[in-house]
Amino acid sequence: MSKKMKMPVYEVNPHTMIILPLKTKSGVQSEIFELNDHRISSFTPLFLIKTSCQYFGSSYEGRKEGTRFLTGVTHKPPIMIDPSSFTYAFPTTSAGRDDCIWIFPQHISEYYDSNYNCTTILFNNKQKIKLSVSFATFNNQMARVSMLHMKFSQKMRSVESEYPYSNLLFPPISLTAESREPYTISEVREANDHFLDFSLSNDEKQKKKKEDEEEK
């Protein structure tokens, strides 16, 4: 009797831009956009995030605890999945929810407020995606991941100062938002062949708003 082949699990890497929940008849799967690729995984976004943390030597809970220790953030915390490549990600809502999207901010060129409580992201590869996430929420998450990067960088540099011959790796100065202008984003042209709209319908927005209120 032949053994069933195990289905490979997608591993987050430095090219990962965004992981979207994809609802199917069999349950929630993942739609993944990379800089030069697009794929579907039969696993949930949170499962991919958790297993990727394990691939890089930590648990998901450990990464969250690290964020809490460095920044004090406990609600929807950003995490650093891979310290060696400085791969950060943050959730758009509570990670356990079926509609949670995971964003990898190091690939974001610009983002701006769209109509009906949505945010549009322009990635470095010119891919544009519209999400049903308020600009205030998205902007706050970007600020949190920037703070995590800053705190981690400060910690690493303090170690370098104390142990100058330790040959440690350090974050590039261009990572996250440190080299960008303040989070007031100019309008980006709507005409873009790479535009994808993942915002919710009005009925779905009302349902989500009700769930958010109940969650509070």
C-alpha atoms as a PDB file:
ATOM      1  CA  MET A   1       0.000   0.000   0.000  1.00  0.00           C
ATOM      2  CA  SER A   2       1.470   3.323  -1.042  1.00  0.00           C
ATOM      3  CA  LYS A   3       1.785   6.045   1.527  1.00  0.00           C
ATOM      4  CA  LYS A   4      -0.088   9.305   0.989  1.00  0.00           C
ATOM      5  CA  MET A   5       2.200  12.185   0.159  1.00  0.00           C
ATOM      6  CA  LYS A   6       2.082  15.035   2.628  1.00  0.00           C
ATOM      7  CA  MET A   7       0.984  18.332   1.145  1.00  0.00           C
ATOM      8  CA  PRO A   8       3.819  20.889   1.324  1.00  0.00           C
ATOM      9  CA  VAL A   9       3.233  23.929   3.513  1.00  0.00           C
ATOM     10  CA  TYR A  10       4.065  27.325   2.081  1.00  0.00           C
ATOM     11  CA  GLU A  11       7.035  28.927   3.800  1.00  0.00           C
ATOM     12  CA  VAL A  12       7.120  32.691   4.253  1.00  0.00           C
ATOM     13  CA  ASN A  13      10.239  34.145   2.637  1.00  0.00           C
ATOM     14  CA  PRO A  14      11.769  37.560   1.872  1.00  0.00           C
ATOM     15  CA  HIS A  15       9.623  37.785  -1.303  1.00  0.00           C
ATOM     16  CA  THR A  16       6.258  37.340   0.463  1.00  0.00           C
ATOM     17  CA  MET A  17       4.108  40.499   0.181  1.00  0.00           C
ATOM     18  CA  ILE A  18       0.660  39.550   1.499  1.00  0.00           C
ATOM     19  CA  ILE A  19      -1.328  36.482   2.578  1.00  0.00           C
ATOM     20  CA  LEU A  20      -5.094  36.763   2.066  1.00  0.00           C
ATOM     21  CA  PRO A  21      -7.797  34.434   3.418  1.00  0.00           C
ATOM     22  CA  LEU A  22      -9.558  32.564   0.633  1.00  0.00           C
ATOM     23  CA  LYS A  23     -12.957  31.159   1.592  1.00  0.00           C
ATOM     24  CA  THR A  24     -13.881  27.919  -0.183  1.00  0.00           C
ATOM     25  CA  LYS A  25     -16.484  25.202   0.270  1.00  0.00           C
ATOM     26  CA  SER A  26     -13.927  23.131   2.184  1.00  0.00           C
ATOM     27  CA  GLY A  27     -12.960  26.008   4.508  1.00  0.00           C
ATOM     28  CA  VAL A  28     -10.531  28.913   4.645  1.00  0.00           C
ATOM     29  CA  GLN A  29      -7.410  28.639   2.504  1.00  0.00           C
ATOM     30  CA  SER A  30      -4.695  31.178   1.626  1.00  0.00           C
ATOM     31  CA  GLU A  31      -4.007  33.323  -1.401  1.00  0.00           C
ATOM     32  CA  ILE A  32      -0.383  34.433  -1.441  1.00  0.00           C
ATOM     33  CA  PHE A  33       1.227  37.215  -3.431  1.00  0.00           C
ATOM     34  CA  GLU A  34       4.994  37.360  -3.766  1.00  0.00           C
ATOM     35  CA  LEU A  35       7.089  39.906  -5.654  1.00  0.00           C
ATOM     36  CA  ASN A  36       7.115  37.698  -8.754  1.00  0.00           C
ATOM     37  CA  ASP A  37       4.626  34.960  -7.976  1.00  0.00           C
ATOM     38  CA  HIS A  38       1.051  34.207  -6.986  1.00  0.00           C
ATOM     39  CA  ARG A  39      -0.097  30.960  -5.419  1.00  0.00           C
ATOM     40  CA  ILE A  40      -2.835  29.243  -3.437  1.00  0.00           C
ATOM     41  CA  SER A  41      -2.302  27.175  -0.284  1.00  0.00           C
ATOM     42  CA  SER A  42      -4.888  24.835   1.218  1.00  0.00           C
ATOM     43  CA  PHE A  43      -3.843  25.975   4.717  1.00  0.00           C
ATOM     44  CA  THR A  44      -5.130  29.025   6.574  1.00  0.00           C
ATOM     45  CA  PRO A  45      -3.059  32.234   6.733  1.00  0.00           C
ATOM     46  CA  LEU A  46      -2.530  31.846  10.483  1.00  0.00           C
ATOM     47  CA  PHE A  47      -1.307  28.270  10.032  1.00  0.00           C
ATOM     48  CA  LEU A  48       1.236  29.472   7.454  1.00  0.00           C
ATOM     49  CA  ILE A  49       2.411  32.230   9.779  1.00  0.00           C
ATOM     50  CA  LYS A  50       2.768  29.804  12.696  1.00  0.00           C
ATOM     51  CA  THR A  51       4.674  27.157  10.735  1.00  0.00           C
ATOM     52  CA  SER A  52       6.927  29.823   9.197  1.00  0.00           C
ATOM     53  CA  CYS A  53       7.858  31.047  12.680  1.00  0.00           C
ATOM     54  CA  GLN A  54       8.818  27.468  13.514  1.00  0.00           C
ATOM     55  CA  TYR A  55      10.917  27.194  10.343  1.00  0.00           C
ATOM     56  CA  PHE A  56      12.959  30.128  11.607  1.00  0.00           C
ATOM     57  CA  GLY A  57      13.536  28.785  15.091  1.00  0.00           C
ATOM     58  CA  SER A  58      10.656  30.119  17.175  1.00  0.00           C
ATOM     59  CA  SER A  59       6.994  29.588  17.926  1.00  0.00           C
ATOM     60  CA  TYR A  60       4.309  32.064  16.934  1.00  0.00           C
ATOM     61  CA  GLU A  61       3.620  32.698  20.613  1.00  0.00           C
ATOM     62  CA  GLY A  62       7.324  33.340  21.139  1.00  0.00           C
ATOM     63  CA  ARG A  63       7.367  35.947  18.369  1.00  0.00           C
ATOM     64  CA  LYS A  64       4.334  37.673  19.884  1.00  0.00           C
ATOM     65  CA  GLU A  65       5.962  37.659  23.307  1.00  0.00           C
ATOM     66  CA  GLY A  66       9.082  39.203  21.785  1.00  0.00           C
ATOM     67  CA  THR A  67       6.971  42.000  20.312  1.00  0.00           C
ATOM     68  CA  ARG A  68       5.252  42.571  23.652  1.00  0.00           C
ATOM     69  CA  PHE A  69       8.598  42.731  25.442  1.00  0.00           C
ATOM     70  CA  LEU A  70      10.124  45.231  22.994  1.00  0.00           C
ATOM     71  CA  THR A  71       7.103  47.433  22.275  1.00  0.00           C
ATOM     72  CA  GLY A  72       4.378  46.689  24.824  1.00  0.00           C
ATOM     73  CA  VAL A  73       1.906  45.896  22.014  1.00  0.00           C
ATOM     74  CA  THR A  74      -0.417  42.999  22.840  1.00  0.00           C
ATOM     75  CA  HIS A  75      -3.436  43.566  20.526  1.00  0.00           C
ATOM     76  CA  LYS A  76      -2.901  42.589  16.885  1.00  0.00           C
ATOM     77  CA  PRO A  77       0.884  42.617  17.408  1.00  0.00           C
ATOM     78  CA  PRO A  78       3.274  42.711  14.454  1.00  0.00           C
ATOM     79  CA  ILE A  79       5.889  39.970  14.521  1.00  0.00           C
ATOM     80  CA  MET A  80       9.354  39.394  13.114  1.00  0.00           C
ATOM     81  CA  ILE A  81       9.162  35.997  11.454  1.00  0.00           C
ATOM     82  CA  ASP A  82      12.794  35.731  10.364  1.00  0.00           C
ATOM     83  CA  PRO A  83      15.444  37.804  12.213  1.00  0.00           C
ATOM     84  CA  SER A  84      18.181  36.961   9.680  1.00  0.00           C
ATOM     85  CA  SER A  85      16.315  38.559   6.748  1.00  0.00           C
ATOM     86  CA  PHE A  86      14.320  40.964   8.924  1.00  0.00           C
ATOM     87  CA  THR A  87      11.016  39.682   7.609  1.00  0.00           C
ATOM     88  CA  TYR A  88       8.170  41.409   9.449  1.00  0.00           C
ATOM     89  CA  ALA A  89       4.420  40.831   9.195  1.00  0.00           C
ATOM     90  CA  PHE A  90       1.314  42.229  10.840  1.00  0.00           C
ATOM     91  CA  PRO A  91      -2.356  41.152  10.954  1.00  0.00           C
ATOM     92  CA  THR A  92      -5.178  43.438   9.891  1.00  0.00           C
ATOM     93  CA  THR A  93      -7.483  42.131  12.622  1.00  0.00           C
ATOM     94  CA  SER A  94      -7.391  39.541  15.407  1.00  0.00           C
ATOM     95  CA  ALA A  95      -5.246  36.726  14.042  1.00  0.00           C
ATOM     96  CA  GLY A  96      -7.790  34.004  14.818  1.00  0.00           C
ATOM     97  CA  ARG A  97     -10.521  35.518  12.662  1.00  0.00           C
ATOM     98  CA  ASP A  98     -11.298  34.068   9.239  1.00  0.00           C
ATOM     99  CA  ASP A  99     -10.984  37.481   7.569  1.00  0.00           C
ATOM    100  CA  CYS A 100      -7.522  38.283   8.948  1.00  0.00           C
ATOM    101  CA  ILE A 101      -4.972  39.357   6.333  1.00  0.00           C
ATOM    102  CA  TRP A 102      -1.218  39.258   6.913  1.00  0.00           C
ATOM    103  CA  ILE A 103       0.821  42.132   5.454  1.00  0.00           C
ATOM    104  CA  PHE A 104       4.596  42.197   4.893  1.00  0.00           C
ATOM    105  CA  PRO A 105       5.384  45.936   5.092  1.00  0.00           C
ATOM    106  CA  GLN A 106       8.933  45.806   3.749  1.00  0.00           C
ATOM    107  CA  HIS A 107       7.442  45.537   0.243  1.00  0.00           C
ATOM    108  CA  ILE A 108       4.995  48.454   0.526  1.00  0.00           C
ATOM    109  CA  SER A 109       5.802  51.477  -1.608  1.00  0.00           C
ATOM    110  CA  GLU A 110       2.752  53.559  -0.681  1.00  0.00           C
ATOM    111  CA  TYR A 111      -0.696  53.206   0.823  1.00  0.00           C
ATOM    112  CA  TYR A 112      -3.621  55.557   0.990  1.00  0.00           C
ATOM    113  CA  ASP A 113      -7.179  56.007   2.188  1.00  0.00           C
ATOM    114  CA  SER A 114      -9.872  54.761  -0.206  1.00  0.00           C
ATOM    115  CA  ASN A 115     -13.603  55.246  -0.146  1.00  0.00           C
ATOM    116  CA  TYR A 116     -15.915  53.322   2.163  1.00  0.00           C
ATOM    117  CA  ASN A 117     -13.431  52.673   4.963  1.00  0.00           C
ATOM    118  CA  CYS A 118     -10.867  50.901   2.795  1.00  0.00           C
ATOM    119  CA  THR A 119      -7.122  51.164   2.254  1.00  0.00           C
ATOM    120  CA  THR A 120      -5.268  50.702  -1.031  1.00  0.00           C
ATOM    121  CA  ILE A 121      -1.705  49.398  -0.987  1.00  0.00           C
ATOM    122  CA  LEU A 122       0.858  49.883  -3.719  1.00  0.00           C
ATOM    123  CA  PHE A 123       3.697  47.354  -3.499  1.00  0.00           C
ATOM    124  CA  ASN A 124       7.207  47.800  -4.839  1.00  0.00           C
ATOM    125  CA  ASN A 125       6.441  45.543  -7.822  1.00  0.00           C
ATOM    126  CA  LYS A 126       3.570  47.904  -8.830  1.00  0.00           C
ATOM    127  CA  GLN A 127       0.899  45.461  -7.636  1.00  0.00           C
ATOM    128  CA  LYS A 128      -2.014  47.405  -6.168  1.00  0.00           C
ATOM    129  CA  ILE A 129      -4.510  45.821  -3.742  1.00  0.00           C
ATOM    130  CA  LYS A 130      -7.559  47.363  -2.100  1.00  0.00           C
ATOM    131  CA  LEU A 131      -8.561  45.987   1.305  1.00  0.00           C
ATOM    132  CA  SER A 132     -11.546  46.460   3.611  1.00  0.00           C
ATOM    133  CA  VAL A 133      -9.333  47.858   6.352  1.00  0.00           C
ATOM    134  CA  SER A 134      -9.680  51.436   7.540  1.00  0.00           C
ATOM    135  CA  PHE A 135      -6.780  53.773   6.852  1.00  0.00           C
ATOM    136  CA  ALA A 136      -6.504  54.560  10.581  1.00  0.00           C
ATOM    137  CA  THR A 137      -6.178  50.866  11.459  1.00  0.00           C
ATOM    138  CA  PHE A 138      -3.681  50.189   8.680  1.00  0.00           C
ATOM    139  CA  ASN A 139      -1.646  53.270   9.525  1.00  0.00           C
ATOM    140  CA  ASN A 140      -1.542  52.244  13.181  1.00  0.00           C
ATOM    141  CA  GLN A 141      -0.276  48.773  12.279  1.00  0.00           C
ATOM    142  CA  MET A 142       2.418  50.275  10.049  1.00  0.00           C
ATOM    143  CA  ALA A 143       3.534  52.499  12.921  1.00  0.00           C
ATOM    144  CA  ARG A 144       3.662  49.499  15.262  1.00  0.00           C
ATOM    145  CA  VAL A 145       5.844  47.445  12.936  1.00  0.00           C
ATOM    146  CA  SER A 146       8.118  50.443  12.457  1.00  0.00           C
ATOM    147  CA  MET A 147       8.455  50.714  16.233  1.00  0.00           C
ATOM    148  CA  LEU A 148       9.243  46.983  16.494  1.00  0.00           C
ATOM    149  CA  HIS A 149      11.951  47.365  13.870  1.00  0.00           C
ATOM    150  CA  MET A 150      13.392  50.388  15.648  1.00  0.00           C
ATOM    151  CA  LYS A 151      13.452  48.675  19.055  1.00  0.00           C
ATOM    152  CA  PHE A 152      15.043  45.545  17.634  1.00  0.00           C
ATOM    153  CA  SER A 153      17.634  47.609  15.757  1.00  0.00           C
ATOM    154  CA  GLN A 154      18.496  49.552  18.907  1.00  0.00           C
ATOM    155  CA  LYS A 155      18.935  46.307  20.821  1.00  0.00           C
ATOM    156  CA  MET A 156      21.207  44.855  18.172  1.00  0.00           C
ATOM    157  CA  ARG A 157      23.297  48.006  17.987  1.00  0.00           C
ATOM    158  CA  SER A 158      23.712  48.076  21.747  1.00  0.00           C
ATOM    159  CA  VAL A 159      25.045  44.514  21.559  1.00  0.00           C
ATOM    160  CA  GLU A 160      27.397  45.562  18.755  1.00  0.00           C
ATOM    161  CA  SER A 161      28.640  48.452  20.869  1.00  0.00           C
ATOM    162  CA  GLU A 162      29.295  46.191  23.843  1.00  0.00           C
ATOM    163  CA  TYR A 163      30.730  43.330  21.792  1.00  0.00           C
ATOM    164  CA  PRO A 164      32.261  44.996  18.680  1.00  0.00           C
ATOM    165  CA  TYR A 165      33.841  41.798  17.345  1.00  0.00           C
ATOM    166  CA  SER A 166      30.742  39.612  17.461  1.00  0.00           C
ATOM    167  CA  ASN A 167      30.064  39.942  13.696  1.00  0.00           C
ATOM    168  CA  LEU A 168      26.297  40.358  14.082  1.00  0.00           C
ATOM    169  CA  LEU A 169      23.886  41.014  11.256  1.00  0.00           C
ATOM    170  CA  PHE A 170      21.945  44.289  11.336  1.00  0.00           C
ATOM    171  CA  PRO A 171      18.774  45.537   9.687  1.00  0.00           C
ATOM    172  CA  PRO A 172      19.150  47.547   6.491  1.00  0.00           C
ATOM    173  CA  ILE A 173      18.281  51.185   7.062  1.00  0.00           C
ATOM    174  CA  SER A 174      15.747  51.118   4.240  1.00  0.00           C
ATOM    175  CA  LEU A 175      13.560  48.475   5.936  1.00  0.00           C
ATOM    176  CA  THR A 176       9.949  49.257   6.905  1.00  0.00           C
ATOM    177  CA  ALA A 177       9.121  52.946   7.140  1.00  0.00           C
ATOM    178  CA  GLU A 178      12.272  54.488   8.606  1.00  0.00           C
ATOM    179  CA  SER A 179      13.484  56.009   5.348  1.00  0.00           C
ATOM    180  CA  ARG A 180      10.022  56.971   4.147  1.00  0.00           C
ATOM    181  CA  GLU A 181       8.143  60.187   4.598  1.00  0.00           C
ATOM    182  CA  PRO A 182       5.625  60.455   7.482  1.00  0.00           C
ATOM    183  CA  TYR A 183       2.478  58.406   7.157  1.00  0.00           C
ATOM    184  CA  THR A 184       0.570  60.962   5.133  1.00  0.00           C
ATOM    185  CA  ILE A 185       0.392  59.267   1.767  1.00  0.00           C
ATOM    186  CA  SER A 186      -0.180  61.183  -1.432  1.00  0.00           C
ATOM    187  CA  GLU A 187      -2.811  60.065  -3.912  1.00  0.00           C
ATOM    188  CA  VAL A 188      -1.745  57.320  -6.276  1.00  0.00           C
ATOM    189  CA  ARG A 189      -3.240  57.096  -9.725  1.00  0.00           C
ATOM    190  CA  GLU A 190      -6.266  54.793  -9.768  1.00  0.00           C
ATOM    191  CA  ALA A 191      -5.530  53.642 -13.313  1.00  0.00           C
ATOM    192  CA  ASN A 192      -3.276  50.670 -12.745  1.00  0.00           C
ATOM    193  CA  ASP A 193      -3.367  47.348 -14.569  1.00  0.00           C
ATOM    194  CA  HIS A 194      -2.225  45.532 -11.441  1.00  0.00           C
ATOM    195  CA  PHE A 195      -5.128  46.730  -9.274  1.00  0.00           C
ATOM    196  CA  LEU A 196      -6.958  44.080  -7.258  1.00  0.00           C
ATOM    197  CA  ASP A 197     -10.000  44.872  -5.136  1.00  0.00           C
ATOM    198  CA  PHE A 198     -10.344  42.692  -2.023  1.00  0.00           C
ATOM    199  CA  SER A 199     -12.732  45.030  -0.226  1.00  0.00           C
ATOM    200  CA  LEU A 200     -15.991  43.652   1.136  1.00  0.00           C
ATOM    201  CA  SER A 201     -19.532  44.164  -0.107  1.00  0.00           C
ATOM    202  CA  ASN A 202     -21.809  46.452   1.913  1.00  0.00           C
ATOM    203  CA  ASP A 203     -23.546  43.458   3.549  1.00  0.00           C
ATOM    204  CA  GLU A 204     -20.206  41.915   4.477  1.00  0.00           C
ATOM    205  CA  LYS A 205     -19.005  45.240   5.892  1.00  0.00           C
ATOM    206  CA  GLN A 206     -22.078  45.492   8.133  1.00  0.00           C
ATOM    207  CA  LYS A 207     -21.511  41.924   9.335  1.00  0.00           C
ATOM    208  CA  LYS A 208     -17.836  42.640  10.030  1.00  0.00           C
ATOM    209  CA  LYS A 209     -18.712  45.859  11.880  1.00  0.00           C
ATOM    210  CA  LYS A 210     -21.137  43.926  14.067  1.00  0.00           C
ATOM    211  CA  GLU A 211     -18.468  41.267  14.795  1.00  0.00           C
ATOM    212  CA  ASP A 212     -15.946  43.978  15.686  1.00  0.00           C
ATOM    213  CA  GLU A 213     -18.393  45.566  18.121  1.00  0.00           C
ATOM    214  CA  GLU A 214     -19.171  42.191  19.725  1.00  0.00           C
ATOM    215  CA  GLU A 215     -15.436  41.448  20.003  1.00  0.00           C
ATOM    216  CA  LYS A 216     -14.884  44.642  21.994  1.00  0.00           C
END
